[in-house]
């Protein structure tokens, strides 16, 4: 090995048809499913040229991932456990770093550069609260803490693990789609 990190992407996707519940007031269940699939496709496309691990137990998502040549990892049941399971699967295949990306970014740009660092890189959501994209080495005991306010918890966790931290504010990677207001970033 030449000392360069081997970077893989982990994308947890619980389900297309059950996702985006906070958009129920403006989109039907079918529309939310279509939106989830569209956004996930954009996230996987923007991962190129890196290998992708989709963490899901949903048959529709697993088929979608297989059609895109992504490796499939069984979802252990929570976002934090899914991030860890994806990281472990990538490590077992030789990755030394992972980029964990949410599947609901409105217009992701290529993000392989997020893995070009030591320590932890976090791209927070545009509100500075969530963790949309995060890169870290696989040989760490980093504890994932997704959910409301995850950005601050992940910053603290990087410190606890004595990992250097790089925070990058990025308009494209910071725009996820959770609330009706978030839809304005989309060209549907």
Protein backbone atom coordinates (compact mmCIF):
# COMPACT_ATOMS: atom_id res chain seq x y z
CA UNK A 1 0.00 0.00 0.00
CA UNK A 2 1.34 3.45 -0.87
CA UNK A 3 0.16 5.23 2.28
CA UNK A 4 -2.82 6.92 0.61
CA UNK A 5 -6.13 6.24 2.28
CA UNK A 6 -8.57 3.87 0.64
CA UNK A 7 -11.85 5.75 0.91
CA UNK A 8 -15.34 4.27 0.68
CA UNK A 9 -18.76 5.89 0.98
CA UNK A 10 -21.48 4.72 3.39
CA UNK A 11 -25.08 5.72 2.68
CA UNK A 12 -27.72 4.55 5.19
CA UNK A 13 -31.19 4.38 3.59
CA UNK A 14 -33.97 3.00 5.76
CA UNK A 15 -36.73 3.00 3.11
CA UNK A 16 -37.94 5.02 0.15
CA UNK A 17 -41.66 4.60 0.74
CA UNK A 18 -41.60 5.30 4.48
CA UNK A 19 -39.19 8.24 4.38
CA UNK A 20 -39.67 11.98 4.55
CA UNK A 21 -42.63 11.92 6.96
CA UNK A 22 -42.23 15.63 7.72
CA UNK A 23 -43.17 16.32 4.10
CA UNK A 24 -46.53 14.53 4.42
CA UNK A 25 -48.40 17.84 4.46
CA UNK A 26 -47.16 18.77 0.99
CA UNK A 27 -46.35 15.46 -0.73
CA UNK A 28 -48.27 12.18 -0.95
CA UNK A 29 -46.66 8.95 0.20
CA UNK A 30 -45.95 8.03 -3.44
CA UNK A 31 -44.39 11.46 -4.09
CA UNK A 32 -42.24 11.16 -0.95
CA UNK A 33 -41.06 7.73 -2.13
CA UNK A 34 -40.18 9.11 -5.57
CA UNK A 35 -38.37 12.06 -3.99
CA UNK A 36 -36.39 9.78 -1.65
CA UNK A 37 -35.32 7.61 -4.58
CA UNK A 38 -34.34 10.66 -6.67
CA UNK A 39 -32.27 12.20 -3.87
CA UNK A 40 -30.56 8.90 -3.04
CA UNK A 41 -29.67 8.47 -6.71
CA UNK A 42 -28.07 11.91 -6.75
CA UNK A 43 -26.08 11.10 -3.60
CA UNK A 44 -24.82 7.82 -5.06
CA UNK A 45 -23.94 9.47 -8.38
CA UNK A 46 -21.94 12.18 -6.58
CA UNK A 47 -19.89 9.50 -4.78
CA UNK A 48 -18.04 8.57 -7.97
CA UNK A 49 -15.42 7.25 -8.31
CA UNK A 50 -15.49 5.84 -4.77
CA UNK A 51 -17.02 2.49 -3.84
CA UNK A 52 -20.41 2.82 -2.14
CA UNK A 53 -21.96 0.79 0.69
CA UNK A 54 -25.72 1.20 1.08
CA UNK A 55 -27.00 0.16 4.49
CA UNK A 56 -30.60 -1.00 4.28
CA UNK A 57 -32.89 -3.93 4.99
CA UNK A 58 -35.61 -2.66 2.65
CA UNK A 59 -35.91 -4.84 -0.48
CA UNK A 60 -36.70 -1.87 -2.75
CA UNK A 61 -33.62 0.03 -1.52
CA UNK A 62 -31.44 -3.06 -1.80
CA UNK A 63 -32.54 -3.57 -5.43
CA UNK A 64 -31.86 0.12 -6.14
CA UNK A 65 -28.37 -0.21 -4.59
CA UNK A 66 -27.57 -3.38 -6.52
CA UNK A 67 -28.62 -1.74 -9.79
CA UNK A 68 -26.07 0.99 -9.04
CA UNK A 69 -23.31 -1.51 -8.21
CA UNK A 70 -23.23 -0.53 -4.55
CA UNK A 71 -22.35 -3.04 -1.87
CA UNK A 72 -25.29 -3.79 0.39
CA UNK A 73 -25.05 -3.98 4.17
CA UNK A 74 -27.87 -5.17 6.43
CA UNK A 75 -29.44 -2.32 8.44
CA UNK A 76 -29.06 -3.02 12.16
CA UNK A 77 -32.03 -0.78 12.98
CA UNK A 78 -30.81 2.73 13.80
CA UNK A 79 -28.95 5.43 11.92
CA UNK A 80 -26.01 5.30 14.34
CA UNK A 81 -25.75 1.51 14.09
CA UNK A 82 -26.13 1.74 10.28
CA UNK A 83 -23.20 4.16 10.03
CA UNK A 84 -21.08 1.80 12.12
CA UNK A 85 -22.15 -1.30 10.16
CA UNK A 86 -21.32 0.42 6.88
CA UNK A 87 -17.95 1.55 8.19
CA UNK A 88 -17.14 -1.97 9.40
CA UNK A 89 -18.14 -3.51 6.06
CA UNK A 90 -15.97 -1.04 4.15
CA UNK A 91 -13.06 -1.68 6.54
CA UNK A 92 -13.43 -5.44 6.03
CA UNK A 93 -13.02 -4.80 2.29
CA UNK A 94 -9.83 -2.78 2.85
CA UNK A 95 -11.05 0.79 3.25
CA UNK A 96 -9.04 2.92 5.66
CA UNK A 97 -11.49 5.86 5.66
CA UNK A 98 -15.20 6.25 5.12
CA UNK A 99 -17.40 9.12 4.10
CA UNK A 100 -20.84 8.77 5.64
CA UNK A 101 -23.46 10.66 3.65
CA UNK A 102 -27.17 11.15 4.18
CA UNK A 103 -29.29 10.09 1.23
CA UNK A 104 -31.45 13.22 1.24
CA UNK A 105 -29.14 15.91 -0.10
CA UNK A 106 -30.97 18.19 -2.55
CA UNK A 107 -28.21 18.73 -5.12
CA UNK A 108 -25.00 17.06 -3.99
CA UNK A 109 -21.83 17.87 -5.83
CA UNK A 110 -19.02 15.29 -6.02
CA UNK A 111 -17.69 14.82 -2.51
CA UNK A 112 -14.74 12.42 -2.74
CA UNK A 113 -12.57 15.35 -1.58
CA UNK A 114 -14.13 15.07 1.89
CA UNK A 115 -12.06 11.91 2.41
CA UNK A 116 -8.76 13.62 1.50
CA UNK A 117 -7.69 14.39 5.04
CA UNK A 118 -6.63 12.94 8.34
CA UNK A 119 -8.90 13.00 11.34
CA UNK A 120 -12.56 13.88 10.98
CA UNK A 121 -14.17 16.14 8.40
CA UNK A 122 -17.75 17.24 8.98
CA UNK A 123 -20.00 19.06 6.54
CA UNK A 124 -22.90 20.30 8.68
CA UNK A 125 -26.38 20.98 7.37
CA UNK A 126 -27.06 24.57 6.37
CA UNK A 127 -28.52 25.29 9.82
CA UNK A 128 -25.31 24.19 11.57
CA UNK A 129 -27.22 21.55 13.53
CA UNK A 130 -27.01 18.25 11.68
CA UNK A 131 -24.22 16.20 10.15
CA UNK A 132 -24.90 15.74 6.43
CA UNK A 133 -21.47 14.40 5.43
CA UNK A 134 -18.68 13.10 7.63
CA UNK A 135 -15.34 11.49 6.87
CA UNK A 136 -13.30 9.57 9.41
CA UNK A 137 -10.73 6.78 9.69
CA UNK A 138 -12.14 3.28 10.16
CA UNK A 139 -9.68 2.40 12.92
CA UNK A 140 -11.26 4.63 15.55
CA UNK A 141 -13.70 4.09 18.39
CA UNK A 142 -15.76 7.08 17.23
CA UNK A 143 -19.34 6.83 18.51
CA UNK A 144 -21.94 8.08 16.05
CA UNK A 145 -24.60 10.40 17.46
CA UNK A 146 -27.01 11.25 14.65
CA UNK A 147 -30.29 13.05 15.27
CA UNK A 148 -31.18 16.61 16.22
CA UNK A 149 -28.01 18.50 17.19
CA UNK A 150 -25.67 15.82 15.85
CA UNK A 151 -23.12 18.32 14.56
CA UNK A 152 -22.15 19.48 18.07
CA UNK A 153 -22.07 15.89 19.37
CA UNK A 154 -19.84 14.77 16.50
CA UNK A 155 -17.48 17.71 17.08
CA UNK A 156 -17.25 16.65 20.74
CA UNK A 157 -16.70 13.02 19.74
CA UNK A 158 -13.82 13.94 17.44
CA UNK A 159 -12.22 15.69 20.40
CA UNK A 160 -12.84 12.70 22.70
CA UNK A 161 -11.15 10.44 20.14
CA UNK A 162 -8.25 12.91 19.85
CA UNK A 163 -8.84 13.26 16.10
CA UNK A 164 -8.11 16.47 14.23
CA UNK A 165 -11.30 18.15 13.10
CA UNK A 166 -12.03 19.98 9.88
CA UNK A 167 -15.45 21.60 9.49
CA UNK A 168 -16.41 22.56 5.94
CA UNK A 169 -19.48 24.65 5.22
CA UNK A 170 -20.62 23.69 1.72
CA UNK A 171 -23.83 25.02 0.18
CA UNK A 172 -24.47 21.94 -1.97
CA UNK A 173 -23.67 19.31 0.66
CA UNK A 174 -25.30 21.31 3.44
CA UNK A 175 -28.77 21.35 1.87
CA UNK A 176 -30.75 18.30 2.90
CA UNK A 177 -34.47 17.85 2.39
CA UNK A 178 -36.40 17.35 5.62
CA UNK A 179 -39.01 20.11 5.80
CA UNK A 180 -41.39 21.59 3.19
CA UNK A 181 -39.19 24.72 3.03
CA UNK A 182 -36.25 22.55 1.93
CA UNK A 183 -38.02 21.63 -1.30
CA UNK A 184 -37.25 25.02 -2.83
CA UNK A 185 -33.69 23.83 -3.57
CA UNK A 186 -34.99 21.18 -5.93
CA UNK A 187 -35.57 21.36 -9.66
CA UNK A 188 -38.21 18.68 -9.98
